[in-house]
PDB file of N, CA and C in Angstrom:
ATOM      1  N   UNK A   1       9.298 -22.518   5.704  1.00  0.00           N
ATOM      2  CA  UNK A   1       8.313 -21.503   5.428  1.00  0.00           C
ATOM      3  C   UNK A   1       8.358 -20.417   6.485  1.00  0.00           C
ATOM      4  N   UNK A   2       8.104 -19.235   6.035  1.00  0.00           N
ATOM      5  CA  UNK A   2       8.098 -18.109   6.964  1.00  0.00           C
ATOM      6  C   UNK A   2       6.777 -18.096   7.749  1.00  0.00           C
ATOM      7  N   UNK A   3       6.777 -17.418   8.888  1.00  0.00           N
ATOM      8  CA  UNK A   3       5.536 -17.317   9.663  1.00  0.00           C
ATOM      9  C   UNK A   3       4.393 -16.679   8.866  1.00  0.00           C
ATOM     10  N   UNK A   4       4.723 -15.718   8.018  1.00  0.00           N
ATOM     11  CA  UNK A   4       3.685 -15.071   7.205  1.00  0.00           C
ATOM     12  C   UNK A   4       3.094 -16.051   6.195  1.00  0.00           C
ATOM     13  N   UNK A   5       3.927 -16.885   5.600  1.00  0.00           N
ATOM     14  CA  UNK A   5       3.432 -17.890   4.658  1.00  0.00           C
ATOM     15  C   UNK A   5       2.540 -18.906   5.366  1.00  0.00           C
ATOM     16  N   UNK A   6       2.910 -19.293   6.568  1.00  0.00           N
ATOM     17  CA  UNK A   6       2.086 -20.230   7.337  1.00  0.00           C
ATOM     18  C   UNK A   6       0.732 -19.613   7.691  1.00  0.00           C
ATOM     19  N   UNK A   7       0.717 -18.332   8.013  1.00  0.00           N
ATOM     20  CA  UNK A   7      -0.547 -17.649   8.295  1.00  0.00           C
ATOM     21  C   UNK A   7      -1.432 -17.619   7.049  1.00  0.00           C
ATOM     22  N   UNK A   8      -0.825 -17.410   5.890  1.00  0.00           N
ATOM     23  CA  UNK A   8      -1.579 -17.412   4.651  1.00  0.00           C
ATOM     24  C   UNK A   8      -2.212 -18.782   4.413  1.00  0.00           C
ATOM     25  N   UNK A   9      -1.445 -19.833   4.619  1.00  0.00           N
ATOM     26  CA  UNK A   9      -1.959 -21.194   4.421  1.00  0.00           C
ATOM     27  C   UNK A   9      -3.073 -21.494   5.428  1.00  0.00           C
ATOM     28  N   UNK A  10      -2.899 -21.071   6.660  1.00  0.00           N
ATOM     29  CA  UNK A  10      -3.935 -21.266   7.669  1.00  0.00           C
ATOM     30  C   UNK A  10      -5.228 -20.553   7.270  1.00  0.00           C
ATOM     31  N   UNK A  11      -5.098 -19.353   6.758  1.00  0.00           N
ATOM     32  CA  UNK A  11      -6.255 -18.590   6.304  1.00  0.00           C
ATOM     33  C   UNK A  11      -6.931 -19.288   5.122  1.00  0.00           C
ATOM     34  N   UNK A  12      -6.137 -19.759   4.185  1.00  0.00           N
ATOM     35  CA  UNK A  12      -6.681 -20.457   3.017  1.00  0.00           C
ATOM     36  C   UNK A  12      -7.382 -21.745   3.432  1.00  0.00           C
ATOM     37  N   UNK A  13      -6.830 -22.454   4.407  1.00  0.00           N
ATOM     38  CA  UNK A  13      -7.479 -23.666   4.922  1.00  0.00           C
ATOM     39  C   UNK A  13      -8.846 -23.342   5.508  1.00  0.00           C
ATOM     40  N   UNK A  14      -8.909 -22.280   6.264  1.00  0.00           N
ATOM     41  CA  UNK A  14     -10.178 -21.870   6.872  1.00  0.00           C
ATOM     42  C   UNK A  14     -11.215 -21.507   5.829  1.00  0.00           C
ATOM     43  N   UNK A  15     -10.797 -20.799   4.787  1.00  0.00           N
ATOM     44  CA  UNK A  15     -11.723 -20.413   3.727  1.00  0.00           C
ATOM     45  C   UNK A  15     -12.234 -21.642   2.967  1.00  0.00           C
ATOM     46  N   UNK A  16     -11.340 -22.555   2.637  1.00  0.00           N
ATOM     47  CA  UNK A  16     -11.742 -23.755   1.904  1.00  0.00           C
ATOM     48  C   UNK A  16     -12.704 -24.603   2.739  1.00  0.00           C
ATOM     49  N   UNK A  17     -12.429 -24.704   4.021  1.00  0.00           N
ATOM     50  CA  UNK A  17     -13.298 -25.477   4.905  1.00  0.00           C
ATOM     51  C   UNK A  17     -14.672 -24.811   5.026  1.00  0.00           C
ATOM     52  N   UNK A  18     -14.690 -23.489   5.153  1.00  0.00           N
ATOM     53  CA  UNK A  18     -15.944 -22.749   5.253  1.00  0.00           C
ATOM     54  C   UNK A  18     -16.783 -22.928   3.984  1.00  0.00           C
ATOM     55  N   UNK A  19     -16.142 -22.794   2.823  1.00  0.00           N
ATOM     56  CA  UNK A  19     -16.866 -22.940   1.564  1.00  0.00           C
ATOM     57  C   UNK A  19     -17.411 -24.354   1.389  1.00  0.00           C
ATOM     58  N   UNK A  20     -16.637 -25.348   1.786  1.00  0.00           N
ATOM     59  CA  UNK A  20     -17.111 -26.735   1.704  1.00  0.00           C
ATOM     60  C   UNK A  20     -18.340 -26.922   2.572  1.00  0.00           C
ATOM     61  N   UNK A  21     -18.299 -26.409   3.788  1.00  0.00           N
ATOM     62  CA  UNK A  21     -19.423 -26.524   4.710  1.00  0.00           C
ATOM     63  C   UNK A  21     -20.658 -25.823   4.160  1.00  0.00           C
ATOM     64  N   UNK A  22     -20.470 -24.632   3.598  1.00  0.00           N
ATOM     65  CA  UNK A  22     -21.594 -23.899   3.026  1.00  0.00           C
ATOM     66  C   UNK A  22     -22.214 -24.655   1.847  1.00  0.00           C
ATOM     67  N   UNK A  23     -21.378 -25.242   1.017  1.00  0.00           N
ATOM     68  CA  UNK A  23     -21.881 -26.014  -0.121  1.00  0.00           C
ATOM     69  C   UNK A  23     -22.649 -27.244   0.343  1.00  0.00           C
ATOM     70  N   UNK A  24     -22.137 -27.938   1.337  1.00  0.00           N
ATOM     71  CA  UNK A  24     -22.831 -29.118   1.850  1.00  0.00           C
ATOM     72  C   UNK A  24     -24.184 -28.746   2.448  1.00  0.00           C
ATOM     73  N   UNK A  25     -24.233 -27.644   3.170  1.00  0.00           N
ATOM     74  CA  UNK A  25     -25.492 -27.179   3.753  1.00  0.00           C
ATOM     75  C   UNK A  25     -26.487 -26.818   2.656  1.00  0.00           C
ATOM     76  N   UNK A  26     -26.023 -26.099   1.646  1.00  0.00           N
ATOM     77  CA  UNK A  26     -26.901 -25.706   0.545  1.00  0.00           C
ATOM     78  C   UNK A  26     -27.403 -26.931  -0.216  1.00  0.00           C
ATOM     79  N   UNK A  27     -26.531 -27.909  -0.455  1.00  0.00           N
ATOM     80  CA  UNK A  27     -26.923 -29.107  -1.200  1.00  0.00           C
ATOM     81  C   UNK A  27     -28.032 -29.867  -0.471  1.00  0.00           C
ATOM     82  N   UNK A  28     -27.994 -29.883   0.835  1.00  0.00           N
ATOM     83  CA  UNK A  28     -29.016 -30.579   1.609  1.00  0.00           C
ATOM     84  C   UNK A  28     -30.371 -29.887   1.487  1.00  0.00           C
ATOM     85  N   UNK A  29     -30.375 -28.607   1.232  1.00  0.00           N
ATOM     86  CA  UNK A  29     -31.617 -27.843   1.182  1.00  0.00           C
ATOM     87  C   UNK A  29     -32.208 -27.748  -0.226  1.00  0.00           C
ATOM     88  N   UNK A  30     -31.436 -28.104  -1.238  1.00  0.00           N
ATOM     89  CA  UNK A  30     -31.904 -27.985  -2.617  1.00  0.00           C
ATOM     90  C   UNK A  30     -32.844 -29.129  -2.990  1.00  0.00           C
ATOM     91  N   UNK A  31     -33.836 -28.810  -3.784  1.00  0.00           N
ATOM     92  CA  UNK A  31     -34.786 -29.808  -4.276  1.00  0.00           C
ATOM     93  C   UNK A  31     -34.380 -30.327  -5.656  1.00  0.00           C
ATOM     94  N   UNK A  32     -33.789 -29.469  -6.472  1.00  0.00           N
ATOM     95  CA  UNK A  32     -33.376 -29.832  -7.827  1.00  0.00           C
ATOM     96  C   UNK A  32     -32.138 -30.725  -7.757  1.00  0.00           C
ATOM     97  N   UNK A  33     -32.265 -31.960  -8.251  1.00  0.00           N
ATOM     98  CA  UNK A  33     -31.150 -32.910  -8.126  1.00  0.00           C
ATOM     99  C   UNK A  33     -29.939 -32.506  -8.964  1.00  0.00           C
ATOM    100  N   UNK A  34     -30.167 -31.885 -10.130  1.00  0.00           N
ATOM    101  CA  UNK A  34     -29.036 -31.467 -10.963  1.00  0.00           C
ATOM    102  C   UNK A  34     -28.243 -30.373 -10.262  1.00  0.00           C
ATOM    103  N   UNK A  35     -28.952 -29.423  -9.696  1.00  0.00           N
ATOM    104  CA  UNK A  35     -28.284 -28.339  -8.971  1.00  0.00           C
ATOM    105  C   UNK A  35     -27.614 -28.877  -7.711  1.00  0.00           C
ATOM    106  N   UNK A  36     -28.274 -29.793  -7.053  1.00  0.00           N
ATOM    107  CA  UNK A  36     -27.717 -30.413  -5.853  1.00  0.00           C
ATOM    108  C   UNK A  36     -26.406 -31.134  -6.181  1.00  0.00           C
ATOM    109  N   UNK A  37     -26.376 -31.814  -7.318  1.00  0.00           N
ATOM    110  CA  UNK A  37     -25.161 -32.515  -7.753  1.00  0.00           C
ATOM    111  C   UNK A  37     -24.031 -31.526  -8.009  1.00  0.00           C
ATOM    112  N   UNK A  38     -24.336 -30.414  -8.654  1.00  0.00           N
ATOM    113  CA  UNK A  38     -23.297 -29.413  -8.928  1.00  0.00           C
ATOM    114  C   UNK A  38     -22.752 -28.804  -7.645  1.00  0.00           C
ATOM    115  N   UNK A  39     -23.621 -28.540  -6.696  1.00  0.00           N
ATOM    116  CA  UNK A  39     -23.179 -27.952  -5.432  1.00  0.00           C
ATOM    117  C   UNK A  39     -22.332 -28.964  -4.654  1.00  0.00           C
ATOM    118  N   UNK A  40     -22.698 -30.227  -4.723  1.00  0.00           N
ATOM    119  CA  UNK A  40     -21.880 -31.263  -4.058  1.00  0.00           C
ATOM    120  C   UNK A  40     -20.500 -31.368  -4.719  1.00  0.00           C
ATOM    121  N   UNK A  41     -20.455 -31.185  -6.033  1.00  0.00           N
ATOM    122  CA  UNK A  41     -19.164 -31.190  -6.721  1.00  0.00           C
ATOM    123  C   UNK A  41     -18.318 -30.000  -6.283  1.00  0.00           C
ATOM    124  N   UNK A  42     -18.951 -28.856  -6.059  1.00  0.00           N
ATOM    125  CA  UNK A  42     -18.225 -27.694  -5.536  1.00  0.00           C
ATOM    126  C   UNK A  42     -17.660 -27.996  -4.151  1.00  0.00           C
ATOM    127  N   UNK A  43     -18.448 -28.686  -3.325  1.00  0.00           N
ATOM    128  CA  UNK A  43     -17.975 -29.069  -1.988  1.00  0.00           C
ATOM    129  C   UNK A  43     -16.758 -29.983  -2.104  1.00  0.00           C
ATOM    130  N   UNK A  44     -16.813 -30.924  -3.032  1.00  0.00           N
ATOM    131  CA  UNK A  44     -15.687 -31.836  -3.230  1.00  0.00           C
ATOM    132  C   UNK A  44     -14.447 -31.094  -3.720  1.00  0.00           C
ATOM    133  N   UNK A  45     -14.632 -30.134  -4.611  1.00  0.00           N
ATOM    134  CA  UNK A  45     -13.463 -29.394  -5.106  1.00  0.00           C
ATOM    135  C   UNK A  45     -12.869 -28.516  -4.005  1.00  0.00           C
ATOM    136  N   UNK A  46     -13.718 -27.997  -3.126  1.00  0.00           N
ATOM    137  CA  UNK A  46     -13.187 -27.243  -1.986  1.00  0.00           C
ATOM    138  C   UNK A  46     -12.444 -28.154  -1.026  1.00  0.00           C
ATOM    139  N   UNK A  47     -12.907 -29.391  -0.876  1.00  0.00           N
ATOM    140  CA  UNK A  47     -12.188 -30.351  -0.032  1.00  0.00           C
ATOM    141  C   UNK A  47     -10.829 -30.673  -0.653  1.00  0.00           C
ATOM    142  N   UNK A  48     -10.799 -30.821  -1.971  1.00  0.00           N
ATOM    143  CA  UNK A  48      -9.530 -31.080  -2.662  1.00  0.00           C
ATOM    144  C   UNK A  48      -8.576 -29.903  -2.488  1.00  0.00           C
ATOM    145  N   UNK A  49      -9.103 -28.692  -2.580  1.00  0.00           N
ATOM    146  CA  UNK A  49      -8.288 -27.501  -2.366  1.00  0.00           C
ATOM    147  C   UNK A  49      -7.743 -27.475  -0.940  1.00  0.00           C
ATOM    148  N   UNK A  50      -8.601 -27.796   0.023  1.00  0.00           N
ATOM    149  CA  UNK A  50      -8.178 -27.873   1.423  1.00  0.00           C
ATOM    150  C   UNK A  50      -7.020 -28.876   1.560  1.00  0.00           C
ATOM    151  N   UNK A  51      -7.176 -30.038   0.964  1.00  0.00           N
ATOM    152  CA  UNK A  51      -6.134 -31.070   1.053  1.00  0.00           C
ATOM    153  C   UNK A  51      -4.819 -30.606   0.455  1.00  0.00           C
ATOM    154  N   UNK A  52      -4.888 -29.885  -0.682  1.00  0.00           N
ATOM    155  CA  UNK A  52      -3.660 -29.382  -1.307  1.00  0.00           C
ATOM    156  C   UNK A  52      -2.943 -28.379  -0.401  1.00  0.00           C
ATOM    157  N   UNK A  53      -3.718 -27.454   0.178  1.00  0.00           N
ATOM    158  CA  UNK A  53      -3.108 -26.486   1.103  1.00  0.00           C
ATOM    159  C   UNK A  53      -2.551 -27.192   2.348  1.00  0.00           C
ATOM    160  N   UNK A  54      -3.293 -28.172   2.854  1.00  0.00           N
ATOM    161  CA  UNK A  54      -2.858 -28.879   4.049  1.00  0.00           C
ATOM    162  C   UNK A  54      -1.546 -29.622   3.803  1.00  0.00           C
ATOM    163  N   UNK A  55      -1.384 -30.150   2.598  1.00  0.00           N
ATOM    164  CA  UNK A  55      -0.157 -30.886   2.261  1.00  0.00           C
ATOM    165  C   UNK A  55       1.059 -29.977   2.148  1.00  0.00           C
ATOM    166  N   UNK A  56       0.849 -28.665   2.101  1.00  0.00           N
ATOM    167  CA  UNK A  56       1.983 -27.749   2.033  1.00  0.00           C
ATOM    168  C   UNK A  56       2.702 -27.644   3.377  1.00  0.00           C
ATOM    169  N   UNK A  57       1.994 -27.945   4.457  1.00  0.00           N
ATOM    170  CA  UNK A  57       2.610 -27.799   5.789  1.00  0.00           C
ATOM    171  C   UNK A  57       3.135 -29.095   6.312  1.00  0.00           C
TER     172      UNK A  57
END
């Protein structure tokens, strides 16, 4: 991989991690259990995305 491609993957990892963290924080603050479940699923999908990008390196 080129250095530019590695920088792109590093950036994508940071974004996926940030979004996961934001979703987890929001889920903890929500009162509605259905909405909380959906936000937790978003956190899980961001973790899966992070794992896919991480496996590229």
